[in-house]
Amino acid sequence: MLQSINCHRDGGTSAVMLRKEMGRFGIWVLGLCLMVGGHGIEGETSHHSYRNLQSDPADQPYRTAYHFQPPKNWMNDPNGPMYYNGVYHLFYQYNPYAAVWGNITWAHSTSYDLVNWVHLELAIKPTDPFDINGCWSGSATILPGEEPVIIYTGKDSQNQQVQNLAVPKNISDPLLREWIKSPHNPLMTPIDGIDASNFRDPTTAWQGSDKVWRILVGSLINGHGTALLYRSRDFVNWTKSQTPLHSSNKTGMWECPDFYPVSISSRNGVETSVQNAETRHVLKASFNGNDYYIMGKYVPETDNYLVETDFLDAGSDLRYDYGKFYASKTFFDAAKKRRILWAWIQEADKDTEKGWSGLQSFPRSVLLDQNGQRLVQWPVKEIAILHKNQVTFHNKELRGGSVIEVSGITASQADVEVSFDFPHLEEAELMDPSWTDPQALCSQKNASVKGGMGPFGLLVLASNNLTEQTAIFFRIFKSTQEKHIVLMCSDQSRSSLRQDVDKTIYGAFVDIDLNHEKISLRSLIDHSIVESFGGKGKTCITARVYPELAINTEAHLYAFNNGNQTVNISTLSAWSMKNAEMVPTN
């Protein structure tokens, strides 16, 4: 598959030297006026002279309004973004000719605020023997002297997967429009018995105190998912380590690996090369259609990665998201000291006639939870740029069987936050010890199945008569030890009258102590995507839905309680969302 792009600013090889080897080109300066009429990171945007390509409700009811999409055709994995000289760059896998996978290139868009984007020319095309059959995923690293470089997977003329290097043609161009490939390509080839069809998606590089760069490449060795480790002093000559950084005998091929530190004590993100006693390291791999992660201690002196719980260990199911969310990548935002996560959200229908396929999740900040057991995610704060028409109410009683409409907003394109408390928590159902699979439990006890405490939550993209609805809800159980267990579900079973769409029900448990905190839910609703964050981002579920009735102005939003016990809405705030700007350069 494909990968993303990250950045850090540590010592080591200068990309200036790499660029000199590739031949210097004349310097030309491109004004930032092409980006969007002079708005800054925090401010409102103003670019009325451009046509908004993001949403055309009349004939494209499923096209999103504020999630990133190219104007047309196929997209999948994010190959970045990175933050460089005041500009966010998103590279992604793209077919310039059709709305199906194929002819894969690196497309490129830029932004000042992670919300409004300008689509630029293709950054990397399959034009050379080392990538002639496709420019697949990779990552960016920022070398000393603020020199960005990209390492990406190419499918070569022999249909082998190899790793290649590209650098900006003109570093003084603020948008980094053009990229040139190294004459040393390919830098890494499938030697020593590596399967040439399972050798891809290099990570962002990090540097140790020995000034040596490290990078991971996803692979499959003897049937085991593996993160191969490579080292280099000059970013051109790479040597494979005799042992991988990590591998697993419980998984298949690891696509799009990611490896980065998170702070134990700070609420800031951590630059990729930071290694100290105040950090833990996250290793993420994409397999089985999901993005799984583990956490451990990275020992830079020996390049050992020590984990307590591995992928798919009994009782361990750490994922970024329990719905449609794949091939993700993080990057470090040096301007705001945060780590940001993107992922490819694929379609859940079979319609290729609409002329586009795939979109990106809304960018999320990533931190280590205060208990140190998992990551928490939250939409980046710049989303507030798009808020309008806020509706808020407090202390609303939701009796069993009740439904309350949230009116006054555009329900097809909204941002909703709600928190619940419980006057009769002792009435929760007893948890059956055999209920260990939360997704199966959500399917068994879907939104229409009454319980004690729940189901309660939101009905989004719902028709007026509730014939169509997507239910994001919770149920509360209690164990024999009187500990409360919170189940979060996203029920798409009634999301559309259409029969040709995937209506899988998703579910996961939420790590919440109900003695000290309420249950919260935030949902980003955008025509055909619903991203939901339970327990302040401890559990996330993303769904794609394609209603026939509940589209555009015919979509409604409700709070509901289908349990036997009363639930209180402590606070509910909902906003209509403006359209993000997705503008071409010409």
Protein backbone atom coordinates (compact mmCIF):
# COMPACT_ATOMS: atom_id res chain seq x y z
CA MET A 1 0.00 0.00 0.00
CA LEU A 2 1.13 3.48 0.72
CA GLN A 3 2.39 5.81 3.37
CA SER A 4 2.78 9.30 4.69
CA ILE A 5 5.19 12.04 5.46
CA ASN A 6 6.69 13.36 8.63
CA CYS A 7 9.29 15.91 9.59
CA HIS A 8 11.99 16.58 12.10
CA ARG A 9 14.92 18.88 12.41
CA ASP A 10 18.04 17.10 13.56
CA GLY A 11 21.69 17.09 12.57
CA GLY A 12 23.11 14.94 9.79
CA THR A 13 23.46 14.88 6.05
CA SER A 14 22.46 18.02 4.17
CA ALA A 15 20.02 17.60 1.30
CA VAL A 16 21.90 20.45 -0.37
CA MET A 17 24.63 17.94 -1.19
CA LEU A 18 22.05 15.53 -2.57
CA ARG A 19 20.59 18.26 -4.70
CA LYS A 20 23.97 19.28 -6.02
CA GLU A 21 24.52 15.73 -7.21
CA MET A 22 21.26 15.92 -9.13
CA GLY A 23 22.11 19.20 -10.77
CA ARG A 24 21.20 22.69 -9.67
CA PHE A 25 18.39 24.41 -11.43
CA GLY A 26 17.65 28.11 -11.64
CA ILE A 27 15.89 29.66 -8.68
CA TRP A 28 12.41 30.90 -9.29
CA VAL A 29 10.16 32.37 -6.67
CA LEU A 30 6.48 31.66 -6.56
CA GLY A 31 4.25 34.01 -4.58
CA LEU A 32 2.05 32.61 -1.90
CA CYS A 33 -0.90 34.38 -3.45
CA LEU A 34 -1.60 31.08 -5.19
CA MET A 35 -2.32 29.49 -1.86
CA VAL A 36 -5.41 31.38 -0.76
CA GLY A 37 -5.89 35.10 -0.44
CA GLY A 38 -3.59 35.85 2.43
CA HIS A 39 -5.11 34.02 5.36
CA GLY A 40 -3.05 32.80 8.29
CA ILE A 41 -3.14 29.66 10.35
CA GLU A 42 -5.65 30.87 12.88
CA GLY A 43 -7.73 33.30 10.86
CA GLU A 44 -10.81 33.12 8.69
CA THR A 45 -10.24 32.42 5.02
CA SER A 46 -11.14 34.68 2.16
CA HIS A 47 -10.84 33.41 -1.38
CA HIS A 48 -14.14 34.10 -2.99
CA SER A 49 -12.60 34.30 -6.44
CA TYR A 50 -12.06 30.54 -6.47
CA ARG A 51 -14.70 27.96 -7.20
CA ASN A 52 -15.16 25.58 -4.30
CA LEU A 53 -14.62 22.09 -5.65
CA GLN A 54 -15.34 20.23 -2.44
CA SER A 55 -19.12 19.89 -2.45
CA ASP A 56 -21.74 20.01 -5.19
CA PRO A 57 -24.95 18.93 -3.39
CA ALA A 58 -27.17 18.89 -6.47
CA ASP A 59 -25.60 15.88 -8.18
CA GLN A 60 -22.95 14.76 -5.66
CA PRO A 61 -24.76 14.20 -2.33
CA TYR A 62 -21.96 11.96 -1.03
CA ARG A 63 -19.04 14.23 -1.78
CA THR A 64 -17.67 15.73 1.41
CA ALA A 65 -17.59 19.42 2.28
CA TYR A 66 -14.70 19.68 4.74
CA HIS A 67 -12.78 16.42 4.51
CA PHE A 68 -9.88 16.44 2.08
CA GLN A 69 -10.56 15.10 -1.42
CA PRO A 70 -8.95 15.81 -4.81
CA PRO A 71 -11.32 17.26 -7.40
CA LYS A 72 -11.72 13.89 -9.12
CA ASN A 73 -10.38 10.34 -9.58
CA TRP A 74 -8.93 7.80 -7.18
CA MET A 75 -6.96 8.59 -4.05
CA ASN A 76 -5.73 6.39 -1.26
CA ASP A 77 -2.95 6.50 1.34
CA PRO A 78 -1.61 9.80 2.66
CA ASN A 79 2.10 10.04 1.80
CA GLY A 80 2.48 12.84 4.23
CA PRO A 81 1.72 15.62 5.34
CA MET A 82 4.69 17.56 6.55
CA TYR A 83 5.04 21.04 7.97
CA TYR A 84 7.73 23.08 6.25
CA ASN A 85 8.44 26.84 6.34
CA GLY A 86 4.94 27.79 7.44
CA VAL A 87 3.11 25.53 4.98
CA TYR A 88 1.44 22.15 5.47
CA HIS A 89 2.07 19.71 2.63
CA LEU A 90 -0.11 16.69 1.94
CA PHE A 91 1.13 14.12 -0.58
CA TYR A 92 -1.10 11.19 -1.39
CA GLN A 93 -1.52 8.21 -3.71
CA TYR A 94 -3.46 9.26 -6.79
CA ASN A 95 -4.61 7.94 -10.16
CA PRO A 96 -4.72 10.96 -12.49
CA TYR A 97 -6.84 9.14 -15.07
CA ALA A 98 -9.72 7.32 -13.35
CA ALA A 99 -11.66 6.70 -10.15
CA VAL A 100 -10.11 3.26 -9.66
CA TRP A 101 -6.71 2.19 -8.34
CA GLY A 102 -3.90 2.27 -10.93
CA ASN A 103 -1.28 4.52 -12.55
CA ILE A 104 -0.23 5.53 -9.06
CA THR A 105 1.54 8.86 -8.60
CA TRP A 106 2.26 11.23 -5.73
CA ALA A 107 -0.28 14.06 -5.80
CA HIS A 108 0.42 17.19 -3.79
CA SER A 109 -1.70 19.81 -2.01
CA THR A 110 -0.75 22.61 0.38
CA SER A 111 -2.44 24.52 3.19
CA TYR A 112 -1.82 27.11 5.88
CA ASP A 113 -4.38 25.72 8.32
CA LEU A 114 -4.99 21.99 7.63
CA VAL A 115 -8.54 22.89 6.59
CA ASN A 116 -8.38 24.80 3.28
CA TRP A 117 -6.18 23.36 0.54
CA VAL A 118 -4.72 24.20 -2.86
CA HIS A 119 -4.22 21.33 -5.31
CA LEU A 120 -0.83 21.50 -7.03
CA GLU A 121 0.82 19.61 -9.87
CA LEU A 122 1.78 15.97 -9.38
CA ALA A 123 4.95 15.74 -7.30
CA ILE A 124 6.33 12.33 -8.35
CA LYS A 125 5.40 10.42 -11.50
CA PRO A 126 6.32 6.89 -12.65
CA THR A 127 8.80 7.80 -15.36
CA ASP A 128 12.00 5.87 -14.58
CA PRO A 129 13.02 2.20 -14.52
CA PHE A 130 13.01 2.18 -10.71
CA ASP A 131 9.37 3.38 -10.45
CA ILE A 132 7.90 2.90 -13.93
CA ASN A 133 5.10 0.67 -12.63
CA GLY A 134 4.04 2.97 -9.82
CA CYS A 135 5.22 5.52 -7.26
CA TRP A 136 3.90 4.02 -4.07
CA SER A 137 3.87 5.17 -0.47
CA GLY A 138 6.73 6.67 1.48
CA SER A 139 7.59 9.43 3.91
CA ALA A 140 9.40 12.72 4.20
CA THR A 141 12.22 13.67 6.52
CA ILE A 142 13.60 17.16 7.07
CA LEU A 143 17.38 17.12 7.14
CA PRO A 144 19.70 19.74 8.66
CA GLY A 145 19.44 23.15 7.07
CA GLU A 146 15.68 22.72 6.71
CA GLU A 147 16.09 20.41 3.72
CA PRO A 148 13.08 18.16 3.04
CA VAL A 149 13.59 14.83 1.30
CA ILE A 150 11.24 12.00 0.36
CA ILE A 151 11.89 8.27 0.35
CA TYR A 152 9.19 6.33 -1.48
CA THR A 153 8.51 2.87 -2.86
CA GLY A 154 8.76 2.40 -6.59
CA LYS A 155 7.55 -0.64 -8.49
CA ASP A 156 10.35 -1.07 -11.00
CA SER A 157 10.51 -2.43 -14.53
CA GLN A 158 10.90 -5.95 -13.12
CA ASN A 159 7.84 -5.45 -10.89
CA GLN A 160 10.05 -5.43 -7.81
CA GLN A 161 9.35 -3.03 -4.96
CA VAL A 162 12.37 -0.78 -4.28
CA GLN A 163 13.00 2.35 -2.22
CA ASN A 164 13.84 5.64 -3.93
CA LEU A 165 14.85 9.19 -3.01
CA ALA A 166 13.47 12.53 -4.26
CA VAL A 167 14.29 16.12 -3.27
CA PRO A 168 12.78 19.52 -4.14
CA LYS A 169 14.00 20.92 -7.42
CA ASN A 170 14.04 24.43 -5.98
CA ILE A 171 14.19 24.80 -2.22
CA SER A 172 13.35 28.51 -2.44
CA ASP A 173 9.93 27.73 -3.92
CA PRO A 174 7.61 28.15 -0.91
CA LEU A 175 5.25 25.48 -2.22
CA LEU A 176 7.92 22.93 -3.22
CA ARG A 177 6.06 22.29 -6.44
CA GLU A 178 8.68 20.26 -8.29
CA TRP A 179 10.63 17.23 -7.08
CA ILE A 180 13.59 15.50 -8.72
CA LYS A 181 14.74 11.91 -8.28
CA SER A 182 18.19 10.85 -7.11
CA PRO A 183 20.65 9.42 -9.64
CA HIS A 184 21.45 6.83 -6.95
CA ASN A 185 17.98 5.27 -7.13
CA PRO A 186 17.08 2.68 -6.11
CA LEU A 187 18.59 3.10 -2.65
CA MET A 188 17.22 -0.15 -1.19
CA THR A 189 16.40 -3.33 -3.09
CA PRO A 190 14.92 -6.69 -1.98
CA ILE A 191 18.09 -8.61 -1.18
CA ASP A 192 18.80 -11.39 1.35
CA GLY A 193 15.65 -13.30 0.54
CA ILE A 194 13.25 -10.36 0.93
CA ASP A 195 10.02 -10.94 -1.00
CA ALA A 196 10.15 -8.36 -3.82
CA SER A 197 6.35 -8.05 -3.75
CA ASN A 198 6.25 -7.32 0.00
CA PHE A 199 8.86 -4.61 0.53
CA ARG A 200 7.36 -1.16 0.76
CA ASP A 201 6.21 1.98 2.56
CA PRO A 202 9.35 3.45 4.21
CA THR A 203 8.80 5.51 7.35
CA THR A 204 10.03 8.93 8.29
CA ALA A 205 13.69 8.59 9.27
CA TRP A 206 15.00 9.31 12.76
CA GLN A 207 18.54 9.96 13.90
CA GLY A 208 20.41 8.60 16.90
CA SER A 209 23.06 10.28 19.00
CA ASP A 210 25.62 8.55 16.74
CA LYS A 211 24.37 10.77 13.87
CA VAL A 212 23.22 7.69 11.96
CA TRP A 213 19.80 7.78 10.34
CA ARG A 214 17.33 4.92 10.74
CA ILE A 215 14.31 4.05 8.67
CA LEU A 216 11.77 1.21 8.65
CA VAL A 217 10.36 -0.60 5.60
CA GLY A 218 7.27 -2.80 5.84
CA SER A 219 7.74 -6.42 4.82
CA LEU A 220 6.68 -10.05 5.14
CA ILE A 221 9.43 -12.45 6.23
CA ASN A 222 8.65 -16.16 6.53
CA GLY A 223 4.98 -15.30 6.71
CA HIS A 224 5.48 -12.80 9.55
CA GLY A 225 4.73 -9.09 9.46
CA THR A 226 8.04 -7.26 9.84
CA ALA A 227 9.50 -3.78 10.15
CA LEU A 228 12.91 -4.00 8.48
CA LEU A 229 15.49 -1.57 9.86
CA TYR A 230 17.96 0.31 7.64
CA ARG A 231 20.78 2.68 8.64
CA SER A 232 22.63 5.44 6.77
CA ARG A 233 25.04 8.28 7.49
CA ASP A 234 24.45 10.17 4.24
CA PHE A 235 20.79 9.35 3.40
CA VAL A 236 21.93 7.73 0.15
CA ASN A 237 23.81 4.58 1.16
CA TRP A 238 21.62 2.38 3.34
CA THR A 239 22.51 -0.88 5.09
CA LYS A 240 19.94 -3.37 6.30
CA SER A 241 20.22 -4.43 9.92
CA GLN A 242 20.67 -8.13 10.54
CA THR A 243 17.59 -8.07 12.75
CA PRO A 244 14.35 -6.16 12.15
CA LEU A 245 13.18 -3.57 14.62
CA HIS A 246 10.15 -5.75 15.32
CA SER A 247 8.15 -8.61 13.81
CA SER A 248 5.11 -10.72 14.65
CA ASN A 249 4.16 -14.33 14.00
CA LYS A 250 0.47 -13.44 14.39
CA THR A 251 0.06 -11.09 11.42
CA GLY A 252 0.60 -10.93 7.70
CA MET A 253 2.33 -8.18 5.72
CA TRP A 254 2.82 -4.87 7.54
CA GLU A 255 1.81 -2.04 5.25
CA CYS A 256 2.49 1.61 5.98
CA PRO A 257 4.46 1.22 9.23
CA ASP A 258 4.93 4.28 11.42
CA PHE A 259 7.32 4.72 14.36
CA TYR A 260 7.40 7.76 16.60
CA PRO A 261 7.83 8.91 20.21
CA VAL A 262 5.08 10.17 22.51
CA SER A 263 5.63 12.05 25.75
CA ILE A 264 4.88 10.42 29.08
CA SER A 265 4.50 13.72 30.94
CA SER A 266 3.81 16.51 28.42
CA ARG A 267 0.68 17.32 26.43
CA ASN A 268 2.84 18.32 23.46
CA GLY A 269 3.82 16.14 20.56
CA VAL A 270 7.40 14.94 20.24
CA GLU A 271 9.78 15.31 17.31
CA THR A 272 10.56 12.03 15.57
CA SER A 273 14.23 11.79 16.61
CA VAL A 274 13.64 12.45 20.31
CA GLN A 275 14.71 9.51 22.48
CA ASN A 276 14.81 9.92 26.27
CA ALA A 277 13.38 8.65 29.53
CA GLU A 278 10.29 10.83 29.10
CA THR A 279 9.13 9.09 25.93
CA ARG A 280 7.54 5.86 24.82
CA HIS A 281 7.57 4.79 21.19
CA VAL A 282 4.55 3.84 19.11
CA LEU A 283 4.87 1.26 16.34
CA LYS A 284 1.88 1.19 14.02
CA ALA A 285 1.23 -1.27 11.21
CA SER A 286 -1.61 -1.62 8.73
CA PHE A 287 -2.94 -5.16 8.24
CA ASN A 288 -6.26 -7.03 8.19
CA GLY A 289 -7.90 -3.84 6.93
CA ASN A 290 -7.11 -1.90 10.14
CA ASP A 291 -4.39 0.24 11.68
CA TYR A 292 -3.05 -1.42 14.82
CA TYR A 293 -0.45 -0.02 17.17
CA ILE A 294 1.67 -1.14 20.10
CA MET A 295 3.77 0.87 22.54
CA GLY A 296 7.14 0.12 24.05
CA LYS A 297 10.58 1.34 25.01
CA TYR A 298 13.02 2.04 22.20
CA VAL A 299 16.69 1.56 23.11
CA PRO A 300 18.63 3.72 20.62
CA GLU A 301 22.06 2.33 21.52
CA THR A 302 21.07 -1.16 20.35
CA ASP A 303 18.00 -0.39 18.22
CA ASN A 304 15.97 -2.75 20.38
CA TYR A 305 12.24 -2.19 20.77
CA LEU A 306 10.86 -3.65 24.00
CA VAL A 307 7.10 -4.16 24.22
CA GLU A 308 4.93 -5.58 26.98
CA THR A 309 1.94 -6.39 24.77
CA ASP A 310 2.34 -7.27 21.10
CA PHE A 311 0.03 -7.10 18.09
CA LEU A 312 -3.05 -9.32 18.50
CA ASP A 313 -2.04 -10.58 21.93
CA ALA A 314 -4.95 -11.93 23.95
CA GLY A 315 -6.94 -9.06 25.40
CA SER A 316 -5.05 -6.47 23.35
CA ASP A 317 -6.72 -4.68 20.46
CA LEU A 318 -5.17 -1.23 20.20
CA ARG A 319 -6.27 0.48 17.00
CA TYR A 320 -6.34 4.08 15.92
CA ASP A 321 -9.89 3.58 14.74
CA TYR A 322 -12.34 0.67 14.79
CA GLY A 323 -14.12 1.56 11.56
CA LYS A 324 -12.91 2.49 8.08
CA PHE A 325 -9.45 3.94 8.66
CA TYR A 326 -6.32 2.62 6.94
CA ALA A 327 -2.76 3.31 5.79
CA SER A 328 -2.38 6.18 8.23
CA LYS A 329 0.65 8.33 8.87
CA THR A 330 1.63 10.85 11.51
CA PHE A 331 3.87 13.89 11.25
CA PHE A 332 5.31 16.33 13.77
CA ASP A 333 3.98 19.88 13.47
CA ALA A 334 6.95 21.93 14.69
CA ALA A 335 4.96 25.18 14.70
CA LYS A 336 2.44 23.98 17.28
CA LYS A 337 4.43 21.20 18.93
CA ARG A 338 1.92 18.49 18.14
CA ARG A 339 1.78 15.19 16.31
CA ILE A 340 -0.94 14.94 13.67
CA LEU A 341 -2.51 11.83 12.19
CA TRP A 342 -4.10 11.30 8.78
CA ALA A 343 -5.60 8.18 7.18
CA TRP A 344 -7.21 7.01 3.99
CA ILE A 345 -10.98 6.51 4.28
CA GLN A 346 -12.08 4.30 1.42
CA GLU A 347 -15.50 4.05 -0.14
CA ALA A 348 -18.10 1.59 1.12
CA ASP A 349 -20.15 1.52 -2.09
CA LYS A 350 -19.46 0.16 -5.57
CA ASP A 351 -20.31 3.31 -7.49
CA THR A 352 -17.47 4.32 -9.83
CA GLU A 353 -19.68 6.58 -11.94
CA LYS A 354 -19.47 9.52 -9.55
CA GLY A 355 -15.95 10.23 -10.83
CA TRP A 356 -14.05 10.05 -7.54
CA SER A 357 -13.14 7.52 -4.88
CA GLY A 358 -11.60 7.88 -1.44
CA LEU A 359 -10.94 10.74 0.96
CA GLN A 360 -8.84 11.61 3.98
CA SER A 361 -9.84 11.59 7.61
CA PHE A 362 -9.97 15.00 9.22
CA PRO A 363 -6.49 15.58 10.73
CA ARG A 364 -6.26 14.48 14.36
CA SER A 365 -3.83 15.34 17.12
CA VAL A 366 -2.32 12.29 18.85
CA LEU A 367 -1.22 12.08 22.50
CA LEU A 368 -0.54 9.41 25.08
CA ASP A 369 -3.49 9.00 27.43
CA GLN A 370 -2.82 10.13 30.98
CA ASN A 371 -2.98 6.52 32.18
CA GLY A 372 -0.24 5.62 29.70
CA GLN A 373 -2.16 2.65 28.30
CA ARG A 374 -3.34 3.95 24.94
CA LEU A 375 -3.35 6.90 22.57
CA VAL A 376 -6.05 9.55 22.45
CA GLN A 377 -7.02 11.41 19.27
CA TRP A 378 -8.91 14.62 18.68
CA PRO A 379 -9.71 16.75 15.60
CA VAL A 380 -7.16 19.55 15.22
CA LYS A 381 -8.37 22.81 16.71
CA GLU A 382 -8.39 24.56 13.32
CA ILE A 383 -11.71 22.86 12.63
CA ALA A 384 -13.29 25.78 14.50
CA ILE A 385 -12.58 27.94 11.43
CA LEU A 386 -15.55 26.20 9.80
CA HIS A 387 -18.02 26.41 12.68
CA LYS A 388 -21.26 28.37 12.27
CA ASN A 389 -24.83 28.32 13.61
CA GLN A 390 -24.09 26.84 17.00
CA VAL A 391 -26.91 25.15 18.91
CA THR A 392 -26.40 24.28 22.60
CA PHE A 393 -28.54 22.88 25.38
CA HIS A 394 -27.87 21.57 28.87
CA ASN A 395 -29.37 19.12 31.37
CA LYS A 396 -31.82 17.49 29.01
CA GLU A 397 -33.55 14.37 30.25
CA LEU A 398 -33.64 11.43 27.83
CA ARG A 399 -36.18 8.96 29.10
CA GLY A 400 -36.20 5.41 27.84
CA GLY A 401 -37.54 5.24 24.27
CA SER A 402 -37.21 9.00 23.62
CA VAL A 403 -35.79 10.80 20.58
CA ILE A 404 -34.99 14.54 20.54
CA GLU A 405 -34.19 16.37 17.32
CA VAL A 406 -31.26 18.78 17.30
CA SER A 407 -32.56 21.47 14.99
CA GLY A 408 -31.10 24.75 13.82
CA ILE A 409 -28.04 23.30 12.08
CA THR A 410 -27.25 21.70 8.72
CA ALA A 411 -27.30 18.08 9.80
CA SER A 412 -25.58 16.74 6.68
CA GLN A 413 -22.42 18.69 7.50
CA ALA A 414 -21.98 19.21 11.22
CA ASP A 415 -19.73 18.93 14.26
CA VAL A 416 -21.50 17.62 17.37
CA GLU A 417 -20.27 17.20 20.95
CA VAL A 418 -22.43 15.65 23.67
CA SER A 419 -21.86 14.31 27.19
CA PHE A 420 -24.12 12.04 29.21
CA ASP A 421 -24.60 11.27 32.91
CA PHE A 422 -26.71 8.63 34.60
CA PRO A 423 -29.07 8.88 37.56
CA HIS A 424 -29.59 5.09 37.73
CA LEU A 425 -26.19 3.61 36.92
CA GLU A 426 -26.88 0.68 39.23
CA GLU A 427 -29.44 -0.59 36.69
CA ALA A 428 -26.79 -1.47 34.12
CA GLU A 429 -27.00 -4.95 32.58
CA LEU A 430 -24.70 -7.69 33.82
CA MET A 431 -21.81 -8.32 31.43
CA ASP A 432 -21.59 -11.87 30.13
CA PRO A 433 -17.93 -12.98 30.36
CA SER A 434 -18.23 -14.48 26.86
CA TRP A 435 -18.83 -11.03 25.34
CA THR A 436 -15.21 -10.40 24.45
CA ASP A 437 -15.68 -9.24 20.85
CA PRO A 438 -17.10 -5.70 20.93
CA GLN A 439 -17.93 -5.58 17.22
CA ALA A 440 -19.91 -8.82 17.45
CA LEU A 441 -21.61 -7.49 20.59
CA CYS A 442 -22.63 -4.30 18.77
CA SER A 443 -24.12 -6.41 15.97
CA GLN A 444 -25.97 -8.59 18.45
CA LYS A 445 -27.22 -5.62 20.46
CA ASN A 446 -27.68 -3.02 17.75
CA ALA A 447 -29.44 0.32 18.14
CA SER A 448 -32.91 -1.23 17.92
CA VAL A 449 -32.30 -3.73 20.75
CA LYS A 450 -33.44 -2.33 24.10
CA GLY A 451 -31.17 -2.67 27.10
CA GLY A 452 -30.88 -1.38 30.64
CA MET A 453 -28.40 1.50 30.28
CA GLY A 454 -28.52 2.04 26.54
CA PRO A 455 -28.40 2.12 23.67
CA PHE A 456 -28.15 5.92 23.88
CA GLY A 457 -26.31 8.43 21.73
CA LEU A 458 -26.84 10.15 18.38
CA LEU A 459 -28.79 9.34 15.24
CA VAL A 460 -26.96 11.08 12.39
CA LEU A 461 -27.74 11.41 8.68
CA ALA A 462 -31.28 10.38 9.59
CA SER A 463 -34.40 10.82 7.51
CA ASN A 464 -37.43 12.64 8.90
CA ASN A 465 -39.26 9.42 9.73
CA LEU A 466 -36.07 7.59 10.84
CA THR A 467 -36.35 5.10 7.99
CA GLU A 468 -32.68 5.88 7.41
CA GLN A 469 -30.35 6.50 10.31
CA THR A 470 -26.78 5.90 11.42
CA ALA A 471 -26.67 5.34 15.18
CA ILE A 472 -23.54 6.11 17.20
CA PHE A 473 -24.32 4.89 20.68
CA PHE A 474 -23.16 3.50 24.00
CA ARG A 475 -24.26 0.70 26.31
CA ILE A 476 -23.18 0.36 29.91
CA PHE A 477 -22.67 -3.04 31.48
CA LYS A 478 -21.41 -4.07 34.88
CA SER A 479 -19.14 -6.99 35.65
CA THR A 480 -19.52 -9.37 38.55
CA GLN A 481 -17.00 -7.15 40.37
CA GLU A 482 -19.43 -4.22 39.94
CA LYS A 483 -17.00 -2.53 37.55
CA HIS A 484 -18.74 -0.66 34.74
CA ILE A 485 -17.88 -1.49 31.14
CA VAL A 486 -18.71 0.96 28.33
CA LEU A 487 -19.40 -0.30 24.80
CA MET A 488 -19.34 2.14 21.87
CA CYS A 489 -21.01 1.21 18.58
CA SER A 490 -21.53 2.69 15.13
CA ASP A 491 -24.57 1.01 13.59
CA GLN A 492 -24.88 1.40 9.81
CA SER A 493 -27.51 -1.35 9.39
CA ARG A 494 -30.24 1.22 8.65
CA SER A 495 -28.00 3.88 7.10
CA SER A 496 -29.40 3.60 3.57
CA LEU A 497 -32.22 2.13 1.55
CA ARG A 498 -29.59 1.21 -1.03
CA GLN A 499 -28.61 -2.44 -1.11
CA ASP A 500 -25.23 -2.04 -2.84
CA VAL A 501 -23.39 -0.48 0.11
CA ASP A 502 -21.47 -1.90 3.04
CA LYS A 503 -23.52 -1.62 6.25
CA THR A 504 -21.08 -3.21 8.67
CA ILE A 505 -21.66 -2.43 12.34
CA TYR A 506 -18.49 -1.37 14.19
CA GLY A 507 -17.77 -1.50 17.89
CA ALA A 508 -15.14 -1.16 20.61
CA PHE A 509 -14.91 -0.82 24.36
CA VAL A 510 -14.12 2.59 25.88
CA ASP A 511 -11.77 2.87 28.84
CA ILE A 512 -13.83 5.14 31.11
CA ASP A 513 -14.12 5.22 34.89
CA LEU A 514 -17.76 6.24 35.37
CA ASN A 515 -17.10 7.08 39.01
CA HIS A 516 -15.03 10.06 37.89
CA GLU A 517 -16.05 10.99 34.34
CA LYS A 518 -19.06 11.25 32.11
CA ILE A 519 -19.42 9.55 28.75
CA SER A 520 -18.67 11.97 25.93
CA LEU A 521 -19.13 11.66 22.18
CA ARG A 522 -18.01 13.88 19.34
CA SER A 523 -19.08 13.18 15.76
CA LEU A 524 -17.90 14.89 12.58
CA ILE A 525 -20.67 14.45 10.01
CA ASP A 526 -19.85 15.21 6.38
CA HIS A 527 -22.37 13.83 3.86
CA SER A 528 -20.95 10.30 3.52
CA ILE A 529 -18.50 10.09 6.40
CA VAL A 530 -19.06 10.06 10.15
CA GLU A 531 -15.97 10.22 12.38
CA SER A 532 -16.83 9.58 16.03
CA PHE A 533 -14.64 10.10 19.10
CA GLY A 534 -15.78 8.41 22.31
CA GLY A 535 -14.48 9.15 25.79
CA LYS A 536 -12.65 12.33 24.71
CA GLY A 537 -10.86 10.47 21.93
CA LYS A 538 -9.98 7.22 23.70
CA THR A 539 -12.01 5.19 21.19
CA CYS A 540 -12.61 6.32 17.60
CA ILE A 541 -14.91 4.85 14.94
CA THR A 542 -15.20 6.08 11.35
CA ALA A 543 -18.03 5.03 9.04
CA ARG A 544 -18.99 5.67 5.41
CA VAL A 545 -22.72 5.89 4.74
CA TYR A 546 -24.78 6.63 1.62
CA PRO A 547 -28.40 7.47 2.48
CA GLU A 548 -30.97 7.94 -0.26
CA LEU A 549 -33.44 10.00 1.77
CA ALA A 550 -31.28 11.73 4.40
CA ILE A 551 -29.14 13.81 2.05
CA ASN A 552 -28.35 17.53 2.06
CA THR A 553 -31.25 19.50 3.60
CA GLU A 554 -33.26 16.31 4.17
CA ALA A 555 -30.75 15.02 6.73
CA HIS A 556 -31.65 15.27 10.41
CA LEU A 557 -29.77 14.89 13.70
CA TYR A 558 -31.26 13.38 16.87
CA ALA A 559 -30.22 12.42 20.37
CA PHE A 560 -31.86 9.16 21.45
CA ASN A 561 -32.18 6.68 24.27
CA ASN A 562 -33.54 3.22 23.51
CA GLY A 563 -32.73 1.81 26.93
CA ASN A 564 -35.02 1.21 29.87
CA GLN A 565 -33.33 3.71 32.18
CA THR A 566 -33.28 7.50 31.92
CA VAL A 567 -30.09 9.14 30.65
CA ASN A 568 -29.30 12.84 31.05
CA ILE A 569 -27.66 14.97 28.40
CA SER A 570 -25.31 17.13 30.46
CA THR A 571 -24.33 19.29 27.48
CA LEU A 572 -24.86 19.15 23.76
CA SER A 573 -23.25 21.58 21.31
CA ALA A 574 -23.64 21.30 17.56
CA TRP A 575 -22.37 23.44 14.72
CA SER A 576 -23.16 23.62 11.06
CA MET A 577 -19.94 23.48 9.05
CA LYS A 578 -18.85 25.79 6.27
CA ASN A 579 -17.34 24.26 3.16
CA ALA A 580 -13.58 24.00 3.20
CA GLU A 581 -11.84 25.48 0.18
CA MET A 582 -10.24 22.98 -2.19
CA VAL A 583 -8.95 25.14 -5.01
CA PRO A 584 -6.95 24.42 -8.16
CA THR A 585 -3.86 26.39 -9.12
CA ASN A 586 -5.28 27.43 -12.45
